[in-house]
Structures are given as C-alpha cells and as structure tokens.
Amino acid sequence: MDTRIENKDIVLKPDGNSDYVTDIEQAVQQVNLALKIPKASFIYDRKIGAFEEDYNIYKDEIEGDIEAMVNECLLNTNVYATVEYVNRNVNVITVGLLINDGINTEHTEVVFYG
C-alpha cells in the first residue's frame, strides 16, 4: 500500500488523512514515479527513479533502456513492466507500458516533455 500521488502532490481524504493506492493501481503509480522522477532526486527514497539526470530520453532505440530501467526500479516487488510503444514528436515522447502485478495487467502512458 502506497500513498496516492496525483499532480505531484499527496492526495488527502476529507478527514485529512492520506489516501492510498493498492494492487494494480499501486503498481501503475510505482512505474510512473520510476519514469518521471530522476534517480536519487526523491528525498524520501533515493532509490526511486529510472534515469540518471543526464540521460537522453530522446536518443534512438530507447525502448529496451526504458523497460530495463523501470524493471530495475521494481526489482523488490511483484510488479513488472513491458514497453508497448514509444511515440516521438518534436518535443514530446509518449511511452505506452503494460504493468503486471502478478494478478492484473493494466496499460499506462507516460509523457516526457523536452
């Protein structure tokens, strides 16, 4: 069970306590955080993040790199990610991922802006 994070902030319930994500929703959030947060930049857990600060997400043939880095971040969980596609536009890359938590599979997209 993880704290729910939306729009770069912790989600609170009406009573002021943190909201939580579990199961496949938790897995999708873990993968999104792993891709969007540069490695070592999350103050509460320096292991979070898939990419070093100087990694070039716009280089060719990144599908394998993305899949390997995300799954490295998820090593101690029952979650794994598979890259479905990578779409490149001028300053935007959209990565489609299948997330599997051992029970369910869900699709998510992560968008990088350059």
N, C-alpha and C. Protein backbone atom coordinates (compact mmCIF):
# COMPACT_ATOMS: atom_id res chain seq x y z
N MET A 1 0.85 -1.16 0.00
CA MET A 1 0.00 0.00 0.00
C MET A 1 0.90 1.24 0.00
N ASP A 2 0.66 2.17 -0.94
CA ASP A 2 1.41 3.41 -1.05
C ASP A 2 0.48 4.60 -0.91
N THR A 3 1.04 5.72 -0.54
CA THR A 3 0.29 6.97 -0.52
C THR A 3 -0.03 7.37 -1.95
N ARG A 4 -1.27 7.79 -2.20
CA ARG A 4 -1.68 8.20 -3.53
C ARG A 4 -1.06 9.56 -3.86
N ILE A 5 -0.44 9.65 -5.04
CA ILE A 5 0.15 10.90 -5.50
C ILE A 5 -0.49 11.26 -6.83
N GLU A 6 -1.03 12.47 -6.92
CA GLU A 6 -1.63 12.99 -8.15
C GLU A 6 -1.19 14.43 -8.32
N ASN A 7 -0.91 14.80 -9.55
CA ASN A 7 -0.49 16.17 -9.86
C ASN A 7 0.67 16.61 -8.96
N LYS A 8 1.62 15.69 -8.74
CA LYS A 8 2.84 15.95 -7.97
C LYS A 8 2.57 16.25 -6.50
N ASP A 9 1.46 15.79 -5.96
CA ASP A 9 1.13 16.07 -4.58
C ASP A 9 0.45 14.85 -3.94
N ILE A 10 0.54 14.76 -2.62
CA ILE A 10 -0.12 13.69 -1.87
C ILE A 10 -1.62 13.99 -1.82
N VAL A 11 -2.43 12.97 -2.08
CA VAL A 11 -3.88 13.12 -2.05
C VAL A 11 -4.39 12.86 -0.64
N LEU A 12 -5.20 13.80 -0.16
CA LEU A 12 -5.79 13.66 1.18
C LEU A 12 -7.26 13.33 1.08
N LYS A 13 -7.74 12.51 2.02
CA LYS A 13 -9.16 12.21 2.13
C LYS A 13 -9.84 13.36 2.86
N PRO A 14 -11.18 13.41 2.85
CA PRO A 14 -11.89 14.50 3.52
C PRO A 14 -11.53 14.66 5.01
N ASP A 15 -11.12 13.56 5.66
CA ASP A 15 -10.77 13.66 7.08
C ASP A 15 -9.34 14.14 7.31
N GLY A 16 -8.60 14.43 6.22
CA GLY A 16 -7.25 14.96 6.33
C GLY A 16 -6.16 13.90 6.30
N ASN A 17 -6.52 12.62 6.34
CA ASN A 17 -5.54 11.54 6.25
C ASN A 17 -5.17 11.28 4.79
N SER A 18 -4.01 10.69 4.59
CA SER A 18 -3.56 10.36 3.24
C SER A 18 -4.45 9.29 2.62
N ASP A 19 -4.68 9.42 1.33
CA ASP A 19 -5.36 8.39 0.57
C ASP A 19 -4.30 7.38 0.13
N TYR A 20 -4.70 6.17 -0.18
CA TYR A 20 -3.74 5.13 -0.53
C TYR A 20 -4.12 4.44 -1.83
N VAL A 21 -3.10 3.87 -2.48
CA VAL A 21 -3.31 3.03 -3.65
C VAL A 21 -2.83 1.63 -3.31
N THR A 22 -3.50 0.62 -3.87
CA THR A 22 -3.11 -0.77 -3.65
C THR A 22 -3.21 -1.52 -4.96
N ASP A 23 -2.69 -2.73 -4.97
CA ASP A 23 -2.82 -3.66 -6.09
C ASP A 23 -2.31 -3.06 -7.39
N ILE A 24 -3.05 -3.22 -8.48
CA ILE A 24 -2.59 -2.78 -9.79
C ILE A 24 -2.46 -1.26 -9.85
N GLU A 25 -3.32 -0.54 -9.15
CA GLU A 25 -3.22 0.92 -9.11
C GLU A 25 -1.89 1.36 -8.47
N GLN A 26 -1.48 0.65 -7.45
CA GLN A 26 -0.20 0.91 -6.81
C GLN A 26 0.95 0.62 -7.78
N ALA A 27 0.83 -0.47 -8.52
CA ALA A 27 1.86 -0.84 -9.49
C ALA A 27 2.00 0.22 -10.57
N VAL A 28 0.88 0.72 -11.08
CA VAL A 28 0.91 1.76 -12.11
C VAL A 28 1.56 3.02 -11.55
N GLN A 29 1.22 3.39 -10.32
CA GLN A 29 1.83 4.58 -9.72
C GLN A 29 3.34 4.38 -9.55
N GLN A 30 3.77 3.20 -9.12
CA GLN A 30 5.19 2.93 -8.94
C GLN A 30 5.95 3.10 -10.26
N VAL A 31 5.39 2.59 -11.34
CA VAL A 31 6.05 2.69 -12.64
C VAL A 31 6.10 4.14 -13.10
N ASN A 32 5.01 4.86 -12.94
CA ASN A 32 5.00 6.27 -13.34
C ASN A 32 6.03 7.07 -12.55
N LEU A 33 6.12 6.84 -11.25
CA LEU A 33 7.11 7.55 -10.45
C LEU A 33 8.53 7.16 -10.88
N ALA A 34 8.74 5.88 -11.15
CA ALA A 34 10.07 5.44 -11.57
C ALA A 34 10.51 6.14 -12.84
N LEU A 35 9.59 6.36 -13.76
CA LEU A 35 9.95 7.01 -15.02
C LEU A 35 10.05 8.53 -14.91
N LYS A 36 9.19 9.14 -14.14
CA LYS A 36 9.12 10.61 -14.12
C LYS A 36 10.11 11.27 -13.16
N ILE A 37 10.55 10.56 -12.13
CA ILE A 37 11.44 11.16 -11.14
C ILE A 37 12.88 10.76 -11.48
N PRO A 38 13.78 11.75 -11.64
CA PRO A 38 15.19 11.40 -11.88
C PRO A 38 15.75 10.61 -10.69
N LYS A 39 16.58 9.62 -10.99
CA LYS A 39 17.15 8.77 -9.95
C LYS A 39 17.84 9.63 -8.88
N ALA A 40 17.62 9.29 -7.63
CA ALA A 40 18.24 9.92 -6.45
C ALA A 40 17.66 11.30 -6.13
N SER A 41 16.60 11.75 -6.80
CA SER A 41 16.08 13.09 -6.54
C SER A 41 14.91 13.10 -5.55
N PHE A 42 14.35 11.93 -5.23
CA PHE A 42 13.21 11.87 -4.31
C PHE A 42 13.76 11.76 -2.90
N ILE A 43 13.55 12.80 -2.12
CA ILE A 43 14.22 12.94 -0.83
C ILE A 43 13.92 11.78 0.13
N TYR A 44 12.73 11.19 0.05
CA TYR A 44 12.36 10.14 0.99
C TYR A 44 12.87 8.76 0.60
N ASP A 45 13.21 8.58 -0.67
CA ASP A 45 13.74 7.29 -1.11
C ASP A 45 14.64 7.52 -2.31
N ARG A 46 15.93 7.59 -2.07
CA ARG A 46 16.91 7.91 -3.13
C ARG A 46 17.02 6.81 -4.18
N LYS A 47 16.41 5.63 -3.94
CA LYS A 47 16.45 4.55 -4.92
C LYS A 47 15.39 4.71 -6.01
N ILE A 48 14.39 5.58 -5.76
CA ILE A 48 13.32 5.78 -6.74
C ILE A 48 13.89 6.49 -7.96
N GLY A 49 13.35 6.16 -9.12
CA GLY A 49 13.74 6.82 -10.37
C GLY A 49 14.46 5.85 -11.29
N ALA A 50 14.26 6.05 -12.59
CA ALA A 50 14.85 5.14 -13.55
C ALA A 50 16.05 5.75 -14.26
N PHE A 51 16.08 7.04 -14.41
CA PHE A 51 17.09 7.66 -15.25
C PHE A 51 18.01 8.57 -14.47
N GLU A 52 19.30 8.51 -14.80
CA GLU A 52 20.25 9.47 -14.25
C GLU A 52 19.90 10.84 -14.81
N GLU A 53 20.31 11.88 -14.14
CA GLU A 53 19.94 13.24 -14.52
C GLU A 53 20.34 13.59 -15.96
N ASP A 54 21.48 13.08 -16.44
CA ASP A 54 21.95 13.43 -17.78
C ASP A 54 21.52 12.43 -18.86
N TYR A 55 20.63 11.50 -18.54
CA TYR A 55 20.17 10.51 -19.53
C TYR A 55 19.39 11.20 -20.64
N ASN A 56 19.65 10.83 -21.87
CA ASN A 56 18.99 11.43 -23.03
C ASN A 56 17.81 10.57 -23.45
N ILE A 57 16.61 10.94 -23.03
CA ILE A 57 15.40 10.18 -23.33
C ILE A 57 15.07 10.24 -24.81
N TYR A 58 15.67 11.17 -25.55
CA TYR A 58 15.34 11.36 -26.96
C TYR A 58 16.24 10.58 -27.90
N LYS A 59 17.20 9.82 -27.38
CA LYS A 59 18.07 9.06 -28.28
C LYS A 59 17.32 7.89 -28.91
N ASP A 60 17.86 7.36 -29.98
CA ASP A 60 17.23 6.25 -30.70
C ASP A 60 17.23 4.97 -29.86
N GLU A 61 16.28 4.09 -30.18
CA GLU A 61 16.22 2.75 -29.59
C GLU A 61 16.19 2.77 -28.06
N ILE A 62 15.29 3.57 -27.49
CA ILE A 62 15.22 3.68 -26.03
C ILE A 62 14.28 2.66 -25.40
N GLU A 63 13.51 1.93 -26.21
CA GLU A 63 12.53 1.01 -25.66
C GLU A 63 13.15 0.02 -24.67
N GLY A 64 14.25 -0.61 -25.07
CA GLY A 64 14.91 -1.58 -24.20
C GLY A 64 15.46 -0.94 -22.94
N ASP A 65 16.03 0.28 -23.08
CA ASP A 65 16.54 1.00 -21.92
C ASP A 65 15.42 1.30 -20.93
N ILE A 66 14.29 1.78 -21.44
CA ILE A 66 13.17 2.12 -20.57
C ILE A 66 12.68 0.89 -19.82
N GLU A 67 12.47 -0.19 -20.54
CA GLU A 67 11.97 -1.41 -19.91
C GLU A 67 12.95 -1.92 -18.85
N ALA A 68 14.24 -1.93 -19.17
CA ALA A 68 15.24 -2.41 -18.21
C ALA A 68 15.31 -1.52 -16.98
N MET A 69 15.30 -0.20 -17.19
CA MET A 69 15.42 0.72 -16.05
C MET A 69 14.19 0.68 -15.15
N VAL A 70 13.01 0.62 -15.75
CA VAL A 70 11.79 0.56 -14.93
C VAL A 70 11.77 -0.74 -14.13
N ASN A 71 12.06 -1.84 -14.77
CA ASN A 71 12.04 -3.12 -14.06
C ASN A 71 13.13 -3.21 -13.00
N GLU A 72 14.25 -2.52 -13.21
CA GLU A 72 15.28 -2.45 -12.17
C GLU A 72 14.73 -1.73 -10.93
N CYS A 73 13.96 -0.67 -11.14
CA CYS A 73 13.35 0.05 -10.01
C CYS A 73 12.33 -0.80 -9.27
N LEU A 74 11.77 -1.78 -9.95
CA LEU A 74 10.70 -2.61 -9.38
C LEU A 74 11.20 -3.97 -8.90
N LEU A 75 12.51 -4.15 -8.83
CA LEU A 75 13.11 -5.45 -8.52
C LEU A 75 12.55 -6.12 -7.27
N ASN A 76 12.32 -5.38 -6.23
CA ASN A 76 11.89 -5.97 -4.96
C ASN A 76 10.38 -6.00 -4.81
N THR A 77 9.67 -5.96 -5.93
CA THR A 77 8.21 -6.02 -5.90
C THR A 77 7.76 -7.18 -6.79
N ASN A 78 6.46 -7.42 -6.83
CA ASN A 78 5.93 -8.45 -7.72
C ASN A 78 5.41 -7.82 -9.01
N VAL A 79 5.90 -6.62 -9.34
CA VAL A 79 5.44 -5.86 -10.49
C VAL A 79 6.48 -5.90 -11.59
N TYR A 80 6.03 -6.01 -12.83
CA TYR A 80 6.95 -5.83 -13.95
C TYR A 80 6.25 -5.04 -15.05
N ALA A 81 7.06 -4.37 -15.86
CA ALA A 81 6.56 -3.51 -16.91
C ALA A 81 7.10 -3.97 -18.26
N THR A 82 6.27 -3.84 -19.28
CA THR A 82 6.66 -4.15 -20.65
C THR A 82 6.33 -2.93 -21.52
N VAL A 83 7.31 -2.49 -22.31
CA VAL A 83 7.07 -1.35 -23.19
C VAL A 83 6.24 -1.82 -24.38
N GLU A 84 5.08 -1.18 -24.59
CA GLU A 84 4.24 -1.47 -25.74
C GLU A 84 4.66 -0.65 -26.95
N TYR A 85 4.93 0.64 -26.72
CA TYR A 85 5.31 1.53 -27.82
C TYR A 85 5.99 2.77 -27.27
N VAL A 86 6.74 3.42 -28.15
CA VAL A 86 7.33 4.73 -27.87
C VAL A 86 7.02 5.60 -29.07
N ASN A 87 6.26 6.67 -28.85
CA ASN A 87 5.93 7.62 -29.91
C ASN A 87 6.72 8.90 -29.69
N ARG A 88 7.42 9.34 -30.74
CA ARG A 88 8.22 10.56 -30.65
C ARG A 88 7.61 11.64 -31.53
N ASN A 89 7.43 12.82 -30.95
CA ASN A 89 7.07 14.01 -31.70
C ASN A 89 8.19 15.02 -31.49
N VAL A 90 8.01 16.25 -31.91
CA VAL A 90 9.08 17.23 -31.86
C VAL A 90 9.70 17.34 -30.46
N ASN A 91 8.92 17.67 -29.46
CA ASN A 91 9.44 17.81 -28.10
C ASN A 91 8.71 16.94 -27.09
N VAL A 92 8.06 15.90 -27.56
CA VAL A 92 7.28 15.04 -26.67
C VAL A 92 7.55 13.57 -27.02
N ILE A 93 7.75 12.78 -25.99
CA ILE A 93 7.83 11.33 -26.16
C ILE A 93 6.75 10.71 -25.28
N THR A 94 5.94 9.84 -25.87
CA THR A 94 4.91 9.12 -25.12
C THR A 94 5.30 7.65 -25.08
N VAL A 95 5.37 7.11 -23.88
CA VAL A 95 5.73 5.71 -23.68
C VAL A 95 4.49 4.97 -23.19
N GLY A 96 4.09 3.94 -23.92
CA GLY A 96 2.99 3.08 -23.51
C GLY A 96 3.53 1.85 -22.82
N LEU A 97 3.01 1.55 -21.65
CA LEU A 97 3.51 0.42 -20.85
C LEU A 97 2.37 -0.49 -20.42
N LEU A 98 2.65 -1.78 -20.39
CA LEU A 98 1.77 -2.74 -19.74
C LEU A 98 2.37 -3.05 -18.38
N ILE A 99 1.57 -2.88 -17.34
CA ILE A 99 2.02 -3.11 -15.97
C ILE A 99 1.31 -4.36 -15.46
N ASN A 100 2.09 -5.28 -14.90
CA ASN A 100 1.52 -6.52 -14.39
C ASN A 100 1.96 -6.69 -12.95
N ASP A 101 1.00 -6.93 -12.06
CA ASP A 101 1.32 -7.13 -10.64
C ASP A 101 1.18 -8.59 -10.22
N GLY A 102 1.16 -9.49 -11.19
CA GLY A 102 1.02 -10.90 -10.89
C GLY A 102 -0.41 -11.38 -10.88
N ILE A 103 -1.36 -10.44 -10.80
CA ILE A 103 -2.78 -10.77 -10.82
C ILE A 103 -3.48 -10.06 -11.98
N ASN A 104 -3.21 -8.77 -12.08
CA ASN A 104 -3.86 -7.95 -13.10
C ASN A 104 -2.82 -7.30 -14.01
N THR A 105 -3.28 -6.91 -15.19
CA THR A 105 -2.45 -6.16 -16.13
C THR A 105 -3.19 -4.89 -16.50
N GLU A 106 -2.47 -3.79 -16.54
CA GLU A 106 -3.08 -2.51 -16.89
C GLU A 106 -2.14 -1.73 -17.81
N HIS A 107 -2.73 -0.94 -18.69
CA HIS A 107 -1.98 -0.09 -19.60
C HIS A 107 -1.84 1.31 -18.97
N THR A 108 -0.67 1.91 -19.12
CA THR A 108 -0.48 3.31 -18.71
C THR A 108 0.40 4.00 -19.73
N GLU A 109 0.25 5.30 -19.82
CA GLU A 109 1.12 6.12 -20.69
C GLU A 109 1.88 7.10 -19.83
N VAL A 110 3.15 7.28 -20.17
CA VAL A 110 3.98 8.28 -19.51
C VAL A 110 4.47 9.23 -20.59
N VAL A 111 4.32 10.54 -20.35
CA VAL A 111 4.68 11.54 -21.34
C VAL A 111 5.88 12.32 -20.83
N PHE A 112 6.90 12.45 -21.69
CA PHE A 112 8.08 13.24 -21.40
C PHE A 112 8.08 14.46 -22.31
N TYR A 113 8.31 15.61 -21.72
CA TYR A 113 8.38 16.86 -22.48
C TYR A 113 9.82 17.34 -22.50
N GLY A 114 10.28 17.78 -23.68
CA GLY A 114 11.68 18.20 -23.78
C GLY A 114 11.86 19.67 -23.90
